[in-house]
N, C-alpha and C. Protein backbone atom coordinates (compact mmCIF):
# COMPACT_ATOMS: atom_id res chain seq x y z
N MET A 1 51.12 -40.32 9.73
CA MET A 1 52.26 -39.18 9.42
C MET A 1 51.71 -37.84 10.43
N ASP A 2 52.53 -37.61 11.18
CA ASP A 2 52.37 -36.47 12.01
C ASP A 2 52.96 -35.15 11.44
N ILE A 3 51.92 -34.42 10.73
CA ILE A 3 52.53 -33.02 10.24
C ILE A 3 52.41 -31.86 11.04
N LYS A 4 53.45 -31.16 11.25
CA LYS A 4 53.20 -29.92 12.10
C LYS A 4 53.75 -28.66 11.23
N ILE A 5 52.55 -27.76 11.01
CA ILE A 5 53.10 -26.33 10.27
C ILE A 5 53.30 -25.05 11.05
N LYS A 6 53.98 -24.63 10.93
CA LYS A 6 54.38 -23.17 12.24
C LYS A 6 54.87 -22.06 11.63
N LYS A 7 54.79 -20.94 11.75
CA LYS A 7 55.64 -19.76 11.41
C LYS A 7 57.03 -20.03 11.47
N ILE A 8 57.66 -19.70 10.43
CA ILE A 8 59.31 -19.82 10.26
C ILE A 8 59.81 -19.29 11.51
N GLU A 9 60.89 -20.02 12.09
CA GLU A 9 61.92 -19.36 13.33
C GLU A 9 63.32 -19.69 12.67
N GLU A 10 64.34 -18.76 13.25
CA GLU A 10 65.49 -18.85 12.84
C GLU A 10 66.13 -19.93 12.78
N CYS A 11 65.63 -21.21 13.62
CA CYS A 11 66.34 -22.54 13.67
C CYS A 11 65.88 -23.23 12.62
N ASP A 12 64.97 -22.78 11.83
CA ASP A 12 64.21 -23.24 10.57
C ASP A 12 65.23 -22.75 9.04
N TYR A 13 65.96 -21.79 9.07
CA TYR A 13 66.46 -21.11 7.83
C TYR A 13 67.36 -22.20 7.08
N GLU A 14 68.16 -22.90 7.58
CA GLU A 14 69.21 -23.75 7.10
C GLU A 14 68.36 -24.79 6.16
N ASN A 15 67.51 -25.45 6.91
CA ASN A 15 66.55 -26.24 6.46
C ASN A 15 65.89 -25.81 4.95
N VAL A 16 65.37 -24.50 5.05
CA VAL A 16 64.60 -23.82 3.97
C VAL A 16 65.84 -23.65 2.53
N ILE A 17 66.73 -23.27 3.40
CA ILE A 17 67.81 -22.64 2.55
C ILE A 17 68.53 -23.91 1.49
N SER A 18 68.63 -25.02 2.61
CA SER A 18 69.03 -26.48 1.73
C SER A 18 67.93 -26.96 0.94
N ALA A 19 66.80 -27.14 1.38
CA ALA A 19 65.82 -27.40 0.53
C ALA A 19 65.49 -26.79 -0.93
N SER A 20 65.50 -25.31 -0.82
CA SER A 20 65.27 -24.68 -2.01
C SER A 20 66.44 -24.87 -3.00
N ALA A 21 67.73 -24.83 -2.28
CA ALA A 21 69.20 -25.22 -3.66
C ALA A 21 69.02 -26.80 -3.95
N GLU A 22 68.43 -27.73 -2.91
CA GLU A 22 68.38 -28.96 -3.80
C GLU A 22 67.20 -29.03 -4.68
N GLU A 23 66.32 -28.14 -4.96
CA GLU A 23 65.62 -28.18 -5.84
C GLU A 23 65.75 -27.19 -6.95
N GLY A 24 66.92 -26.42 -7.15
CA GLY A 24 67.73 -25.90 -7.82
C GLY A 24 67.12 -24.68 -7.88
N TRP A 25 66.41 -23.95 -6.85
CA TRP A 25 66.15 -22.43 -6.51
C TRP A 25 67.14 -21.89 -5.75
N THR A 26 68.25 -21.23 -6.36
CA THR A 26 69.55 -20.83 -5.76
C THR A 26 69.21 -19.29 -4.93
N THR A 27 68.30 -19.07 -5.07
CA THR A 27 68.01 -17.47 -4.34
C THR A 27 68.37 -17.09 -3.31
N TYR A 28 67.95 -18.08 -2.42
CA TYR A 28 68.20 -18.01 -0.88
C TYR A 28 69.63 -18.49 -0.58
N SER A 29 70.15 -19.38 -1.23
CA SER A 29 71.69 -19.79 -0.82
C SER A 29 72.69 -18.71 -1.47
N SER A 30 72.58 -18.18 -2.32
CA SER A 30 73.22 -16.84 -2.75
C SER A 30 72.93 -15.93 -2.48
N ARG A 31 71.84 -15.46 -1.94
CA ARG A 31 71.63 -14.28 -1.36
C ARG A 31 70.98 -14.36 0.12
N ARG A 32 71.31 -14.55 0.86
CA ARG A 32 70.88 -14.81 2.46
C ARG A 32 70.73 -13.43 2.88
N GLY A 33 71.43 -12.48 2.65
CA GLY A 33 70.78 -11.18 3.68
C GLY A 33 69.40 -10.86 2.92
N ASP A 34 69.22 -10.92 1.57
CA ASP A 34 68.07 -11.03 0.89
C ASP A 34 66.70 -12.31 1.44
N PHE A 35 67.32 -13.09 1.87
CA PHE A 35 66.59 -14.28 2.59
C PHE A 35 65.84 -13.71 3.55
N TYR A 36 66.73 -13.17 4.58
CA TYR A 36 66.51 -12.56 5.82
C TYR A 36 65.43 -11.47 5.81
N GLY A 37 65.68 -10.71 4.83
CA GLY A 37 64.54 -9.92 4.43
C GLY A 37 63.35 -10.16 4.22
N ALA A 38 63.23 -11.29 3.02
CA ALA A 38 62.01 -12.10 2.78
C ALA A 38 61.16 -12.47 3.74
N VAL A 39 62.04 -12.97 4.53
CA VAL A 39 61.20 -13.52 6.01
C VAL A 39 60.81 -12.89 6.81
N LYS A 40 61.17 -11.79 7.06
CA LYS A 40 60.86 -10.65 7.94
C LYS A 40 59.65 -10.06 7.31
N ASN A 41 59.53 -9.66 6.17
CA ASN A 41 58.31 -9.03 5.12
C ASN A 41 57.46 -9.72 4.37
N SER A 42 57.09 -10.99 4.77
CA SER A 42 56.50 -12.02 3.99
C SER A 42 55.88 -13.15 5.01
N ALA A 43 54.61 -13.54 4.69
CA ALA A 43 54.03 -14.54 5.75
C ALA A 43 54.81 -15.94 5.66
N PHE A 44 55.65 -16.58 6.16
CA PHE A 44 56.57 -17.84 5.75
C PHE A 44 56.40 -18.77 7.06
N ILE A 45 55.91 -20.02 6.46
CA ILE A 45 55.54 -21.08 7.02
C ILE A 45 56.26 -22.26 6.84
N VAL A 46 56.46 -23.17 7.52
CA VAL A 46 57.35 -24.30 7.43
C VAL A 46 56.61 -25.50 7.78
N ALA A 47 56.89 -26.78 7.30
CA ALA A 47 56.26 -28.14 7.72
C ALA A 47 57.26 -29.00 7.92
N TYR A 48 56.61 -29.51 9.16
CA TYR A 48 57.87 -30.89 9.76
C TYR A 48 57.00 -32.15 9.69
N ALA A 49 57.73 -33.18 9.24
CA ALA A 49 56.95 -34.51 9.30
C ALA A 49 57.60 -35.11 10.62
N GLY A 50 56.93 -35.35 11.72
CA GLY A 50 57.64 -35.68 12.93
C GLY A 50 58.94 -34.82 13.03
N ASP A 51 60.03 -35.14 13.25
CA ASP A 51 61.59 -34.00 13.23
C ASP A 51 61.83 -33.75 12.06
N GLU A 52 61.59 -34.33 10.94
CA GLU A 52 62.13 -34.36 9.75
C GLU A 52 61.23 -32.83 8.72
N PHE A 53 62.07 -31.78 8.40
CA PHE A 53 61.73 -31.00 7.54
C PHE A 53 61.08 -31.53 6.24
N ALA A 54 59.77 -31.09 6.04
CA ALA A 54 59.03 -31.56 5.16
C ALA A 54 58.51 -30.35 4.07
N GLY A 55 58.86 -28.95 4.12
CA GLY A 55 58.59 -28.22 3.23
C GLY A 55 58.36 -26.65 3.75
N TYR A 56 58.02 -25.79 2.78
CA TYR A 56 57.51 -24.31 3.72
C TYR A 56 56.72 -23.78 2.35
N ALA A 57 56.06 -22.56 2.46
CA ALA A 57 55.25 -21.97 2.08
C ALA A 57 55.93 -20.68 2.32
N ARG A 58 55.70 -19.51 1.10
CA ARG A 58 55.82 -18.10 1.38
C ARG A 58 54.83 -16.96 1.03
N ALA A 59 54.31 -16.15 1.37
CA ALA A 59 53.56 -15.48 0.86
C ALA A 59 53.66 -14.01 1.18
N ILE A 60 53.05 -12.72 0.38
CA ILE A 60 52.80 -11.33 0.76
C ILE A 60 51.60 -11.02 0.43
N SER A 61 50.72 -10.40 1.23
CA SER A 61 49.47 -9.98 1.10
C SER A 61 49.11 -8.80 1.39
N ASP A 62 48.27 -8.24 1.12
CA ASP A 62 47.46 -7.04 1.70
C ASP A 62 46.87 -6.74 2.57
N GLY A 63 45.99 -8.15 2.68
CA GLY A 63 45.38 -8.48 3.98
C GLY A 63 43.87 -8.50 3.64
N PHE A 64 43.45 -8.14 2.47
CA PHE A 64 41.92 -7.32 2.15
C PHE A 64 41.95 -8.11 0.95
N ILE A 65 42.28 -8.04 -0.25
CA ILE A 65 42.03 -8.51 -1.32
C ILE A 65 42.80 -9.84 -2.14
N THR A 66 44.19 -9.69 -2.04
CA THR A 66 44.92 -10.36 -2.58
C THR A 66 46.19 -10.77 -1.70
N THR A 67 46.61 -12.17 -1.83
CA THR A 67 47.70 -13.04 -1.14
C THR A 67 48.25 -13.36 -2.56
N PHE A 68 49.47 -12.94 -2.48
CA PHE A 68 50.39 -13.86 -3.65
C PHE A 68 51.03 -15.12 -3.12
N LEU A 69 50.88 -15.96 -3.60
CA LEU A 69 51.49 -17.22 -3.24
C LEU A 69 53.22 -17.21 -3.76
N CYS A 70 54.24 -16.65 -3.37
CA CYS A 70 55.56 -16.47 -3.88
C CYS A 70 56.44 -17.86 -4.14
N GLU A 71 56.20 -18.78 -3.11
CA GLU A 71 56.92 -20.10 -3.23
C GLU A 71 56.23 -21.11 -2.42
N LEU A 72 56.09 -22.44 -2.96
CA LEU A 72 55.81 -23.39 -2.29
C LEU A 72 56.63 -24.63 -2.58
N LEU A 73 57.32 -25.04 -1.49
CA LEU A 73 58.23 -26.37 -1.83
C LEU A 73 58.09 -27.61 -0.98
N VAL A 74 57.51 -28.46 -1.11
CA VAL A 74 57.58 -29.86 -0.33
C VAL A 74 58.79 -30.99 -0.72
N VAL A 75 59.48 -30.97 0.03
CA VAL A 75 60.84 -31.97 0.12
C VAL A 75 60.39 -33.13 -0.92
N LYS A 76 61.12 -33.60 -1.63
CA LYS A 76 60.76 -35.00 -2.76
C LYS A 76 60.20 -35.93 -1.88
N LYS A 77 60.75 -36.60 -0.84
CA LYS A 77 60.54 -37.44 -0.06
C LYS A 77 58.89 -37.40 0.53
N PHE A 78 58.70 -36.11 1.03
CA PHE A 78 57.31 -36.07 1.46
C PHE A 78 56.22 -35.52 0.22
N ARG A 79 56.48 -35.80 -0.73
CA ARG A 79 55.20 -35.18 -1.90
C ARG A 79 54.45 -36.12 -1.90
N ASN A 80 53.16 -35.81 -2.66
CA ASN A 80 52.01 -36.76 -2.52
C ASN A 80 51.62 -37.35 -1.46
N VAL A 81 51.25 -36.67 -0.08
CA VAL A 81 51.00 -36.96 1.03
C VAL A 81 50.09 -36.27 1.52
N GLY A 82 49.71 -34.93 0.86
CA GLY A 82 48.73 -33.68 1.46
C GLY A 82 49.60 -32.67 2.14
N ILE A 83 50.82 -32.46 2.17
CA ILE A 83 51.75 -31.56 2.80
C ILE A 83 51.36 -30.26 2.10
N GLY A 84 51.69 -30.10 0.97
CA GLY A 84 51.51 -28.99 -0.40
C GLY A 84 50.27 -28.40 -0.04
N GLY A 85 49.07 -29.10 -0.06
CA GLY A 85 47.92 -28.59 0.41
C GLY A 85 47.55 -28.15 1.61
N MET A 86 48.09 -28.84 2.51
CA MET A 86 48.14 -28.12 4.05
C MET A 86 48.78 -27.02 4.08
N LEU A 87 49.65 -26.65 3.43
CA LEU A 87 50.68 -25.36 3.15
C LEU A 87 49.77 -24.27 2.62
N VAL A 88 49.44 -24.51 1.51
CA VAL A 88 48.23 -23.71 0.87
C VAL A 88 47.05 -23.32 1.60
N MET A 89 46.74 -24.17 2.33
CA MET A 89 45.42 -24.10 3.27
C MET A 89 45.79 -23.21 4.80
N HIS A 90 47.07 -23.15 5.06
CA HIS A 90 47.44 -22.72 6.00
C HIS A 90 47.66 -21.00 5.75
N ILE A 91 48.36 -21.11 4.62
CA ILE A 91 48.53 -19.73 3.94
C ILE A 91 46.98 -18.79 3.83
N HIS A 92 46.23 -19.48 3.41
CA HIS A 92 45.03 -19.20 2.76
C HIS A 92 44.39 -18.43 4.41
N ALA A 93 44.56 -19.40 5.12
CA ALA A 93 43.77 -18.91 6.51
C ALA A 93 44.26 -17.81 7.31
N MET A 94 45.80 -17.82 7.01
CA MET A 94 46.17 -16.24 7.52
C MET A 94 45.61 -15.13 6.93
N PHE A 95 45.04 -15.26 6.05
CA PHE A 95 44.45 -14.07 5.14
C PHE A 95 43.10 -14.33 4.56
N PRO A 96 42.44 -15.04 5.30
CA PRO A 96 40.93 -15.63 4.89
C PRO A 96 40.08 -14.70 4.00
N LYS A 97 40.30 -13.52 4.17
CA LYS A 97 39.41 -12.64 3.27
C LYS A 97 39.71 -12.16 1.91
N THR A 98 41.27 -12.80 1.40
CA THR A 98 41.66 -12.87 -0.07
C THR A 98 41.39 -13.88 -0.67
N ARG A 99 41.86 -13.53 -1.91
CA ARG A 99 42.07 -14.41 -3.00
C ARG A 99 43.66 -14.97 -2.60
N VAL A 100 43.85 -16.09 -3.13
CA VAL A 100 45.14 -16.19 -3.50
C VAL A 100 45.94 -16.51 -5.03
N ASP A 101 46.82 -15.73 -5.31
CA ASP A 101 47.38 -15.84 -6.75
C ASP A 101 48.70 -16.76 -6.75
N LEU A 102 48.92 -16.89 -7.51
CA LEU A 102 50.42 -17.76 -8.18
C LEU A 102 50.71 -18.00 -9.53
N ILE A 103 51.95 -17.74 -9.73
CA ILE A 103 52.54 -18.23 -10.88
C ILE A 103 53.21 -19.53 -10.66
N SER A 104 52.89 -20.49 -11.58
CA SER A 104 53.35 -21.91 -11.32
C SER A 104 53.72 -22.86 -12.72
N GLU A 105 54.57 -23.47 -12.71
CA GLU A 105 54.32 -24.61 -13.78
C GLU A 105 53.58 -26.05 -13.21
N ALA A 106 53.22 -26.03 -12.00
CA ALA A 106 52.87 -27.03 -11.32
C ALA A 106 51.22 -27.39 -11.60
N ASP A 107 50.96 -26.99 -12.48
CA ASP A 107 49.66 -27.07 -12.94
C ASP A 107 48.38 -27.76 -12.59
N GLY A 108 48.63 -29.18 -12.57
CA GLY A 108 47.93 -30.40 -11.95
C GLY A 108 47.90 -30.02 -10.50
N PHE A 109 48.95 -29.97 -9.54
CA PHE A 109 48.77 -29.72 -8.02
C PHE A 109 47.72 -28.77 -7.88
N TYR A 110 47.86 -27.23 -8.49
CA TYR A 110 47.02 -26.21 -8.23
C TYR A 110 45.81 -26.54 -8.48
N ILE A 111 45.24 -27.17 -9.58
CA ILE A 111 43.78 -27.45 -10.17
C ILE A 111 43.32 -28.65 -9.18
N LYS A 112 44.37 -29.32 -8.17
CA LYS A 112 43.85 -30.15 -6.90
C LYS A 112 43.38 -29.49 -5.75
N GLN A 113 43.53 -28.38 -5.91
CA GLN A 113 43.80 -27.40 -4.62
C GLN A 113 42.47 -26.32 -4.80
N ASN A 114 41.77 -26.61 -5.69
CA ASN A 114 40.58 -25.54 -6.40
C ASN A 114 41.31 -24.07 -6.94
N PHE A 115 42.28 -24.33 -7.36
CA PHE A 115 42.89 -22.86 -8.07
C PHE A 115 42.03 -22.98 -9.65
N ARG A 116 41.89 -21.72 -10.23
CA ARG A 116 41.61 -21.99 -11.30
C ARG A 116 42.53 -20.97 -12.49
N ALA A 117 42.86 -21.53 -13.72
CA ALA A 117 44.00 -20.68 -14.43
C ALA A 117 42.85 -19.60 -14.77
N ILE A 118 44.19 -18.52 -14.75
CA ILE A 118 43.91 -16.83 -15.08
C ILE A 118 45.24 -16.79 -16.17
N GLY A 119 44.96 -16.36 -17.43
CA GLY A 119 46.09 -16.34 -18.14
C GLY A 119 47.35 -17.22 -17.94
N THR A 120 48.60 -16.91 -17.37
CA THR A 120 49.63 -17.64 -17.23
C THR A 120 49.51 -17.94 -15.59
N GLY A 121 48.63 -17.56 -14.63
CA GLY A 121 48.78 -18.15 -13.41
C GLY A 121 47.50 -18.68 -12.78
N PHE A 122 47.58 -18.83 -11.60
CA PHE A 122 46.32 -19.19 -11.31
C PHE A 122 45.83 -18.44 -10.09
N ARG A 123 44.38 -18.71 -9.61
CA ARG A 123 43.69 -18.03 -8.63
C ARG A 123 42.78 -18.94 -8.06
N LYS A 124 42.90 -18.55 -6.53
CA LYS A 124 41.88 -19.28 -5.62
C LYS A 124 41.01 -18.21 -5.08
N SER A 125 40.11 -18.08 -5.42
CA SER A 125 38.95 -16.96 -4.62
C SER A 125 38.58 -17.16 -3.11
N VAL A 126 38.26 -16.20 -2.61
CA VAL A 126 37.61 -16.49 -1.55
C VAL A 126 35.70 -17.14 -1.78
N ARG A 127 35.78 -18.20 -0.92
CA ARG A 127 34.37 -18.44 -1.11
C ARG A 127 33.26 -18.28 0.06
């Protein structure tokens, strides 16, 4: 499967908003103006499998110590083929000196990505 990961562009916005809404995450669809602000003020990447939208990741970072992975979504059709891991890896590569923190209920996925549980969240430190 040919997977392409890139920084989000305006042509990707509707794919992200639709995929989020399908997952039951309605913030982007109900607060479009805020979505555009989030795109502008965060690291936002998208994944495509061939020509099909496959998912996205969004993070905020200070660039030195902490990157917070805000959202990671892989479209159901493309789950369990490594796209989520690729998105995490690309986000971490954007801020290589930082640890990556997140809050999630997808414990098994993040443990497979070498995160460790910290309280109610997870952390992946620089190695």
